Each structure stands twice: as structure tokens, then as C-alpha cells.
């Protein structure tokens, strides 16, 4: 019996590795498609080959590993995959061109609303949808206030991005939205101090903590 259990464990571990590898390959393909999408926009950005592919592949592989161990519920895993793809494209675009295209930021809220409504229906609870709405208001509201008081500190695209990110984080945990806002501010300040650049892209600083909460901290949702 011990030998059978050991063999089952080996097979299970091998299967988990295969799932992670497949997720990484699918992520690389999705990243390549995303890189093409960035180049096709009206004010297109052409990232160097590999930027989008590697970013999405790594994030999707991590999500697959978390899901395989039971650390992520199916709904959360789908959110993390979508955020990994969407966030990677925006982060790459902001790093490359200091710009967050409306074509990617504006559709985020309606898409998030549909996804969270489906998640709420699946969970038979309104918390994901109501939390997402509250998160969008809080995250975007904080950035809108900063934009109003200090217009030169961040762009309008950052406010639009904040709404979509807030919807995702709010579905996980509304208090986590405040943590993401503070983490994004600290990352931006730290990056500005290290690089000594005033025009620092805020997008990656906002996206990173949002994805970490969504994909790596399921305990926050409880």
C-alpha cells in the first residue's frame, strides 16, 4: 500500500508539473498575442520581443501552481489569469512609452463587472460584485484626488487603470484595496528615489500589488 501511495504521489506531482508547464506555454502565446495587440493600437507601442511573453508565462504558471495545490478557487484563478495578461500588457506599455492606452483601461470596468457578476452568481453571494464596486470607487477615488491636487504627479490613465484594478481587488477584499493603494505609493516613491526620475510610470507600481493580492493571498478573502 505504501508503494502504491508513493507512486500515486509521484504521478500527482508529475501531473502538477505538466499543468504548470502548459499554463506557462499558454501564457507565452497569450503574451505574444498581447504584444501584437499593443502594436496594433492607434498609438501603438512595440515592446521588445519576450517582454510580454515572459511576463504572462511566469504569472500564468504561478496561478496554475496555486490552483493545483488548492490555494486558489476556480473563480479567483480566472481573475488572476485575466489580470496577469491585462496587467502585463499595461505594465509593459507604461514602462516602454509612459502611456496607458484607453483601449486597454476603459473596457476594464465593464469587463470586470461582467466577470464579478458571474463570480457572484457562481458563489451564490453578492460579495464579489458589491466588493468590486466598492474597490473601484476607493482605488480610483484615491488616484482621482491625487490627480486633482497634483496634476503633474500622475496621468489620467492611472486613474482609469485604478478603477479596473480596484474592482478586482475589491472582489477579493475591500480592506486590501487600501493596502494596494499604499503599496503602490511606496513602490512609486521607492522607484523615484532609486532612479532619481520624476516621471516614473505608476502603472507597474499599481498592478504588482493588485496581482499579488489576487493570486497569492487567498487568505485575505476570508
C-alpha atoms as a PDB file:
ATOM      1  CA  UNK A   1       0.000   0.000   0.000  1.00  0.00           C
ATOM      2  CA  UNK A   2       2.868   2.361   0.811  1.00  0.00           C
ATOM      3  CA  UNK A   3       4.407   1.716  -2.602  1.00  0.00           C
ATOM      4  CA  UNK A   4       1.094   2.430  -4.345  1.00  0.00           C
ATOM      5  CA  UNK A   5       0.670   5.648  -2.368  1.00  0.00           C
ATOM      6  CA  UNK A   6       4.214   6.666  -3.275  1.00  0.00           C
ATOM      7  CA  UNK A   7       3.598   6.007  -6.963  1.00  0.00           C
ATOM      8  CA  UNK A   8       0.344   7.981  -6.798  1.00  0.00           C
ATOM      9  CA  UNK A   9       2.242  10.874  -5.232  1.00  0.00           C
ATOM     10  CA  UNK A  10       4.847  10.804  -7.992  1.00  0.00           C
ATOM     11  CA  UNK A  11       2.154  10.718 -10.673  1.00  0.00           C
ATOM     12  CA  UNK A  12       0.321  13.567  -8.965  1.00  0.00           C
ATOM     13  CA  UNK A  13       3.480  15.655  -8.734  1.00  0.00           C
ATOM     14  CA  UNK A  14       4.322  14.967 -12.383  1.00  0.00           C
ATOM     15  CA  UNK A  15       0.803  15.950 -13.400  1.00  0.00           C
ATOM     16  CA  UNK A  16       1.100  19.194 -11.443  1.00  0.00           C
ATOM     17  CA  UNK A  17       4.372  19.999 -13.203  1.00  0.00           C
ATOM     18  CA  UNK A  18       2.761  19.333 -16.581  1.00  0.00           C
ATOM     19  CA  UNK A  19      -0.124  21.668 -15.733  1.00  0.00           C
ATOM     20  CA  UNK A  20       2.285  24.432 -14.718  1.00  0.00           C
ATOM     21  CA  UNK A  21       4.345  23.990 -17.887  1.00  0.00           C
ATOM     22  CA  UNK A  22       1.238  24.009 -20.087  1.00  0.00           C
ATOM     23  CA  UNK A  23      -0.004  27.147 -18.317  1.00  0.00           C
ATOM     24  CA  UNK A  24       3.360  28.793 -18.917  1.00  0.00           C
ATOM     25  CA  UNK A  25       3.313  27.902 -22.604  1.00  0.00           C
ATOM     26  CA  UNK A  26      -0.259  29.188 -22.955  1.00  0.00           C
ATOM     27  CA  UNK A  27       0.814  32.351 -21.148  1.00  0.00           C
ATOM     28  CA  UNK A  28       3.677  32.864 -23.581  1.00  0.00           C
ATOM     29  CA  UNK A  29       1.261  32.510 -26.503  1.00  0.00           C
ATOM     30  CA  UNK A  30      -1.177  34.934 -24.867  1.00  0.00           C
ATOM     31  CA  UNK A  31       1.686  37.347 -24.263  1.00  0.00           C
ATOM     32  CA  UNK A  32       2.711  37.169 -27.904  1.00  0.00           C
ATOM     33  CA  UNK A  33      -0.856  37.950 -28.959  1.00  0.00           C
ATOM     34  CA  UNK A  34      -0.902  40.794 -26.470  1.00  0.00           C
ATOM     35  CA  UNK A  35       2.331  42.198 -27.876  1.00  0.00           C
ATOM     36  CA  UNK A  36       0.697  42.214 -31.297  1.00  0.00           C
ATOM     37  CA  UNK A  37      -2.322  43.963 -29.829  1.00  0.00           C
ATOM     38  CA  UNK A  38      -0.145  46.710 -28.361  1.00  0.00           C
ATOM     39  CA  UNK A  39       1.484  47.260 -31.736  1.00  0.00           C
ATOM     40  CA  UNK A  40      -1.888  47.464 -33.494  1.00  0.00           C
ATOM     41  CA  UNK A  41      -3.310  50.266 -31.326  1.00  0.00           C
ATOM     42  CA  UNK A  42      -3.796  53.736 -32.784  1.00  0.00           C
ATOM     43  CA  UNK A  43      -0.818  54.999 -30.833  1.00  0.00           C
ATOM     44  CA  UNK A  44       0.804  51.626 -30.836  1.00  0.00           C
ATOM     45  CA  UNK A  45       3.727  50.515 -28.725  1.00  0.00           C
ATOM     46  CA  UNK A  46       6.205  47.925 -29.916  1.00  0.00           C
ATOM     47  CA  UNK A  47       7.785  46.221 -26.897  1.00  0.00           C
ATOM     48  CA  UNK A  48      10.947  44.196 -27.445  1.00  0.00           C
ATOM     49  CA  UNK A  49      10.284  40.507 -28.165  1.00  0.00           C
ATOM     50  CA  UNK A  50       9.945  38.498 -24.984  1.00  0.00           C
ATOM     51  CA  UNK A  51       8.731  41.199 -22.616  1.00  0.00           C
ATOM     52  CA  UNK A  52       5.041  40.303 -22.773  1.00  0.00           C
ATOM     53  CA  UNK A  53       5.652  36.620 -23.403  1.00  0.00           C
ATOM     54  CA  UNK A  54       7.859  36.046 -20.359  1.00  0.00           C
ATOM     55  CA  UNK A  55       5.740  38.182 -18.035  1.00  0.00           C
ATOM     56  CA  UNK A  56       2.461  36.442 -18.841  1.00  0.00           C
ATOM     57  CA  UNK A  57       4.070  32.984 -18.916  1.00  0.00           C
ATOM     58  CA  UNK A  58       5.509  33.386 -15.418  1.00  0.00           C
ATOM     59  CA  UNK A  59       2.306  34.802 -13.931  1.00  0.00           C
ATOM     60  CA  UNK A  60       0.115  32.124 -15.500  1.00  0.00           C
ATOM     61  CA  UNK A  61       2.468  29.373 -14.321  1.00  0.00           C
ATOM     62  CA  UNK A  62       2.274  30.709 -10.760  1.00  0.00           C
ATOM     63  CA  UNK A  63      -1.526  30.812 -10.919  1.00  0.00           C
ATOM     64  CA  UNK A  64      -1.603  27.240 -12.216  1.00  0.00           C
ATOM     65  CA  UNK A  65       0.655  26.097  -9.383  1.00  0.00           C
ATOM     66  CA  UNK A  66      -1.522  27.816  -6.790  1.00  0.00           C
ATOM     67  CA  UNK A  67      -4.675  26.402  -8.297  1.00  0.00           C
ATOM     68  CA  UNK A  68      -3.186  22.912  -8.439  1.00  0.00           C
ATOM     69  CA  UNK A  69      -2.446  22.961  -4.714  1.00  0.00           C
ATOM     70  CA  UNK A  70      -5.947  24.148  -3.881  1.00  0.00           C
ATOM     71  CA  UNK A  71      -4.774  27.582  -2.735  1.00  0.00           C
ATOM     72  CA  UNK A  72      -6.933  29.321  -5.342  1.00  0.00           C
ATOM     73  CA  UNK A  73     -10.606  28.737  -6.038  1.00  0.00           C
ATOM     74  CA  UNK A  74     -11.588  28.497  -9.725  1.00  0.00           C
ATOM     75  CA  UNK A  75     -13.129  31.969  -9.805  1.00  0.00           C
ATOM     76  CA  UNK A  76     -10.083  33.562  -8.221  1.00  0.00           C
ATOM     77  CA  UNK A  77      -7.786  31.696 -10.580  1.00  0.00           C
ATOM     78  CA  UNK A  78      -9.667  33.064 -13.600  1.00  0.00           C
ATOM     79  CA  UNK A  79      -9.403  36.613 -12.214  1.00  0.00           C
ATOM     80  CA  UNK A  80      -5.674  36.149 -11.610  1.00  0.00           C
ATOM     81  CA  UNK A  81      -5.131  34.849 -15.157  1.00  0.00           C
ATOM     82  CA  UNK A  82      -7.034  37.737 -16.733  1.00  0.00           C
ATOM     83  CA  UNK A  83      -5.276  40.272 -14.522  1.00  0.00           C
ATOM     84  CA  UNK A  84      -1.909  38.703 -15.310  1.00  0.00           C
ATOM     85  CA  UNK A  85      -2.456  39.138 -19.043  1.00  0.00           C
ATOM     86  CA  UNK A  86      -4.095  42.564 -18.935  1.00  0.00           C
ATOM     87  CA  UNK A  87      -1.751  43.905 -16.285  1.00  0.00           C
ATOM     88  CA  UNK A  88       1.357  42.680 -18.084  1.00  0.00           C
ATOM     89  CA  UNK A  89       0.366  44.481 -21.289  1.00  0.00           C
ATOM     90  CA  UNK A  90      -0.324  47.717 -19.447  1.00  0.00           C
ATOM     91  CA  UNK A  91       2.843  47.488 -17.370  1.00  0.00           C
ATOM     92  CA  UNK A  92       4.973  46.869 -20.448  1.00  0.00           C
ATOM     93  CA  UNK A  93       3.270  49.726 -22.300  1.00  0.00           C
ATOM     94  CA  UNK A  94       3.779  52.124 -19.391  1.00  0.00           C
ATOM     95  CA  UNK A  95       7.429  51.153 -18.974  1.00  0.00           C
ATOM     96  CA  UNK A  96       8.079  51.422 -22.693  1.00  0.00           C
ATOM     97  CA  UNK A  97       6.108  54.558 -23.602  1.00  0.00           C
ATOM     98  CA  UNK A  98       4.923  56.088 -20.296  1.00  0.00           C
ATOM     99  CA  UNK A  99       1.380  55.661 -21.529  1.00  0.00           C
ATOM    100  CA  UNK A 100      -1.697  53.654 -20.536  1.00  0.00           C
ATOM    101  CA  UNK A 101      -3.917  53.299 -23.630  1.00  0.00           C
ATOM    102  CA  UNK A 102      -7.643  53.953 -23.286  1.00  0.00           C
ATOM    103  CA  UNK A 103      -8.211  50.888 -25.453  1.00  0.00           C
ATOM    104  CA  UNK A 104      -6.987  48.765 -22.536  1.00  0.00           C
ATOM    105  CA  UNK A 105      -8.030  50.793 -19.484  1.00  0.00           C
ATOM    106  CA  UNK A 106     -11.574  51.868 -20.398  1.00  0.00           C
ATOM    107  CA  UNK A 107     -13.024  48.400 -21.191  1.00  0.00           C
ATOM    108  CA  UNK A 108     -11.666  47.058 -17.898  1.00  0.00           C
ATOM    109  CA  UNK A 109     -14.571  48.215 -15.729  1.00  0.00           C
ATOM    110  CA  UNK A 110     -17.407  46.705 -17.797  1.00  0.00           C
ATOM    111  CA  UNK A 111     -15.406  43.507 -18.322  1.00  0.00           C
ATOM    112  CA  UNK A 112     -14.687  43.328 -14.587  1.00  0.00           C
ATOM    113  CA  UNK A 113     -18.355  43.941 -13.818  1.00  0.00           C
ATOM    114  CA  UNK A 114     -19.417  41.037 -16.017  1.00  0.00           C
ATOM    115  CA  UNK A 115     -16.724  38.755 -14.584  1.00  0.00           C
ATOM    116  CA  UNK A 116     -17.595  39.649 -10.988  1.00  0.00           C
ATOM    117  CA  UNK A 117     -21.313  39.254 -11.642  1.00  0.00           C
ATOM    118  CA  UNK A 118     -20.609  35.765 -12.978  1.00  0.00           C
ATOM    119  CA  UNK A 119     -18.436  35.040  -9.945  1.00  0.00           C
ATOM    120  CA  UNK A 120     -21.171  36.266  -7.602  1.00  0.00           C
ATOM    121  CA  UNK A 121     -23.705  34.064  -9.380  1.00  0.00           C
ATOM    122  CA  UNK A 122     -21.364  31.081  -9.166  1.00  0.00           C
ATOM    123  CA  UNK A 123     -20.740  31.669  -5.449  1.00  0.00           C
ATOM    124  CA  UNK A 124     -24.418  32.395  -4.813  1.00  0.00           C
ATOM    125  CA  UNK A 125     -23.331  35.524  -2.909  1.00  0.00           C
ATOM    126  CA  UNK A 126     -23.271  39.217  -3.854  1.00  0.00           C
ATOM    127  CA  UNK A 127     -19.964  39.901  -2.080  1.00  0.00           C
ATOM    128  CA  UNK A 128     -17.698  39.766  -5.166  1.00  0.00           C
ATOM    129  CA  UNK A 129     -19.856  42.220  -7.098  1.00  0.00           C
ATOM    130  CA  UNK A 130     -20.512  44.659  -4.261  1.00  0.00           C
ATOM    131  CA  UNK A 131     -16.893  44.434  -3.116  1.00  0.00           C
ATOM    132  CA  UNK A 132     -15.681  45.051  -6.650  1.00  0.00           C
ATOM    133  CA  UNK A 133     -17.823  48.163  -6.950  1.00  0.00           C
ATOM    134  CA  UNK A 134     -16.575  49.489  -3.621  1.00  0.00           C
ATOM    135  CA  UNK A 135     -12.987  48.685  -4.570  1.00  0.00           C
ATOM    136  CA  UNK A 136     -13.258  50.517  -7.886  1.00  0.00           C
ATOM    137  CA  UNK A 137     -14.639  53.610  -6.156  1.00  0.00           C
ATOM    138  CA  UNK A 138     -11.968  53.604  -3.433  1.00  0.00           C
ATOM    139  CA  UNK A 139      -8.969  52.873  -5.673  1.00  0.00           C
ATOM    140  CA  UNK A 140      -9.987  55.278  -8.439  1.00  0.00           C
ATOM    141  CA  UNK A 141     -11.136  57.864  -5.904  1.00  0.00           C
ATOM    142  CA  UNK A 142      -7.739  57.966  -4.214  1.00  0.00           C
ATOM    143  CA  UNK A 143      -5.962  58.455  -7.521  1.00  0.00           C
ATOM    144  CA  UNK A 144      -8.526  60.997  -8.709  1.00  0.00           C
ATOM    145  CA  UNK A 145      -7.873  63.097  -5.592  1.00  0.00           C
ATOM    146  CA  UNK A 146      -4.113  62.965  -6.181  1.00  0.00           C
ATOM    147  CA  UNK A 147      -4.647  63.842  -9.841  1.00  0.00           C
ATOM    148  CA  UNK A 148      -6.814  66.802  -8.819  1.00  0.00           C
ATOM    149  CA  UNK A 149      -4.404  68.142  -6.200  1.00  0.00           C
ATOM    150  CA  UNK A 150      -1.177  67.441  -8.088  1.00  0.00           C
ATOM    151  CA  UNK A 151      -1.911  67.000 -11.814  1.00  0.00           C
ATOM    152  CA  UNK A 152       1.748  66.560 -12.679  1.00  0.00           C
ATOM    153  CA  UNK A 153       2.256  63.642 -10.324  1.00  0.00           C
ATOM    154  CA  UNK A 154       0.295  61.104 -12.370  1.00  0.00           C
ATOM    155  CA  UNK A 155      -1.735  60.864 -15.560  1.00  0.00           C
ATOM    156  CA  UNK A 156      -5.411  60.398 -16.303  1.00  0.00           C
ATOM    157  CA  UNK A 157      -4.618  56.873 -17.482  1.00  0.00           C
ATOM    158  CA  UNK A 158      -3.536  55.985 -13.951  1.00  0.00           C
ATOM    159  CA  UNK A 159      -6.961  56.975 -12.612  1.00  0.00           C
ATOM    160  CA  UNK A 160      -8.704  54.868 -15.262  1.00  0.00           C
ATOM    161  CA  UNK A 161      -6.418  51.933 -14.502  1.00  0.00           C
ATOM    162  CA  UNK A 162      -7.130  52.311 -10.779  1.00  0.00           C
ATOM    163  CA  UNK A 163     -10.845  51.728 -11.365  1.00  0.00           C
ATOM    164  CA  UNK A 164     -10.280  48.363 -13.036  1.00  0.00           C
ATOM    165  CA  UNK A 165      -7.687  47.274 -10.502  1.00  0.00           C
ATOM    166  CA  UNK A 166      -9.881  48.336  -7.611  1.00  0.00           C
ATOM    167  CA  UNK A 167     -12.742  46.240  -8.957  1.00  0.00           C
ATOM    168  CA  UNK A 168     -10.540  43.131  -8.948  1.00  0.00           C
ATOM    169  CA  UNK A 169      -9.020  43.722  -5.506  1.00  0.00           C
ATOM    170  CA  UNK A 170     -12.366  44.702  -4.016  1.00  0.00           C
ATOM    171  CA  UNK A 171     -13.802  41.364  -5.088  1.00  0.00           C
ATOM    172  CA  UNK A 172     -11.063  39.709  -3.046  1.00  0.00           C
ATOM    173  CA  UNK A 173     -11.179  42.016  -0.025  1.00  0.00           C
ATOM    174  CA  UNK A 174     -12.240  45.646   0.246  1.00  0.00           C
ATOM    175  CA  UNK A 175      -9.697  46.416   3.029  1.00  0.00           C
ATOM    176  CA  UNK A 176      -6.984  45.056   0.719  1.00  0.00           C
ATOM    177  CA  UNK A 177      -7.741  47.928  -1.681  1.00  0.00           C
ATOM    178  CA  UNK A 178      -6.289  50.401   0.809  1.00  0.00           C
ATOM    179  CA  UNK A 179      -3.223  48.201   1.224  1.00  0.00           C
ATOM    180  CA  UNK A 180      -2.743  48.107  -2.549  1.00  0.00           C
ATOM    181  CA  UNK A 181      -3.022  51.901  -2.782  1.00  0.00           C
ATOM    182  CA  UNK A 182      -0.408  52.327  -0.049  1.00  0.00           C
ATOM    183  CA  UNK A 183       1.855  49.669  -1.577  1.00  0.00           C
ATOM    184  CA  UNK A 184       1.618  51.336  -4.990  1.00  0.00           C
ATOM    185  CA  UNK A 185       2.549  54.700  -3.473  1.00  0.00           C
ATOM    186  CA  UNK A 186       5.529  53.200  -1.655  1.00  0.00           C
ATOM    187  CA  UNK A 187       6.726  51.426  -4.790  1.00  0.00           C
ATOM    188  CA  UNK A 188       6.439  54.643  -6.790  1.00  0.00           C
ATOM    189  CA  UNK A 189       8.316  56.636  -4.164  1.00  0.00           C
ATOM    190  CA  UNK A 190      10.979  53.952  -3.878  1.00  0.00           C
ATOM    191  CA  UNK A 191      11.382  53.738  -7.643  1.00  0.00           C
ATOM    192  CA  UNK A 192      11.672  57.506  -7.920  1.00  0.00           C
ATOM    193  CA  UNK A 193      14.307  57.558  -5.175  1.00  0.00           C
ATOM    194  CA  UNK A 194      16.353  54.793  -6.793  1.00  0.00           C
ATOM    195  CA  UNK A 195      16.130  56.042 -10.380  1.00  0.00           C
ATOM    196  CA  UNK A 196      16.076  59.742  -9.459  1.00  0.00           C
ATOM    197  CA  UNK A 197      13.430  60.274 -12.096  1.00  0.00           C
ATOM    198  CA  UNK A 198      10.374  62.424 -11.544  1.00  0.00           C
ATOM    199  CA  UNK A 199       8.414  60.959 -14.472  1.00  0.00           C
ATOM    200  CA  UNK A 200       8.121  57.436 -13.148  1.00  0.00           C
ATOM    201  CA  UNK A 201       5.435  55.152 -14.644  1.00  0.00           C
ATOM    202  CA  UNK A 202       2.846  54.399 -11.971  1.00  0.00           C
ATOM    203  CA  UNK A 203       1.140  51.553 -13.826  1.00  0.00           C
ATOM    204  CA  UNK A 204       3.522  48.745 -12.794  1.00  0.00           C
ATOM    205  CA  UNK A 205       3.518  50.018  -9.194  1.00  0.00           C
ATOM    206  CA  UNK A 206      -0.276  49.722  -9.115  1.00  0.00           C
ATOM    207  CA  UNK A 207      -0.525  46.425 -10.975  1.00  0.00           C
ATOM    208  CA  UNK A 208       2.066  44.483  -8.945  1.00  0.00           C
ATOM    209  CA  UNK A 209       0.359  44.616  -5.517  1.00  0.00           C
ATOM    210  CA  UNK A 210      -3.037  44.067  -7.118  1.00  0.00           C
ATOM    211  CA  UNK A 211      -1.899  40.854  -8.779  1.00  0.00           C
ATOM    212  CA  UNK A 212      -0.135  39.676  -5.617  1.00  0.00           C
ATOM    213  CA  UNK A 213      -3.307  40.095  -3.559  1.00  0.00           C
ATOM    214  CA  UNK A 214      -5.413  38.393  -6.200  1.00  0.00           C
ATOM    215  CA  UNK A 215      -3.144  35.431  -6.892  1.00  0.00           C
ATOM    216  CA  UNK A 216      -1.021  34.871  -3.801  1.00  0.00           C
ATOM    217  CA  UNK A 217      -3.037  35.938  -0.790  1.00  0.00           C
ATOM    218  CA  UNK A 218      -6.301  33.951  -0.792  1.00  0.00           C
ATOM    219  CA  UNK A 219      -6.422  34.244   2.983  1.00  0.00           C
ATOM    220  CA  UNK A 220      -7.337  37.939   2.566  1.00  0.00           C
ATOM    221  CA  UNK A 221     -10.659  36.917   1.060  1.00  0.00           C
ATOM    222  CA  UNK A 222     -11.572  35.005   4.188  1.00  0.00           C
END
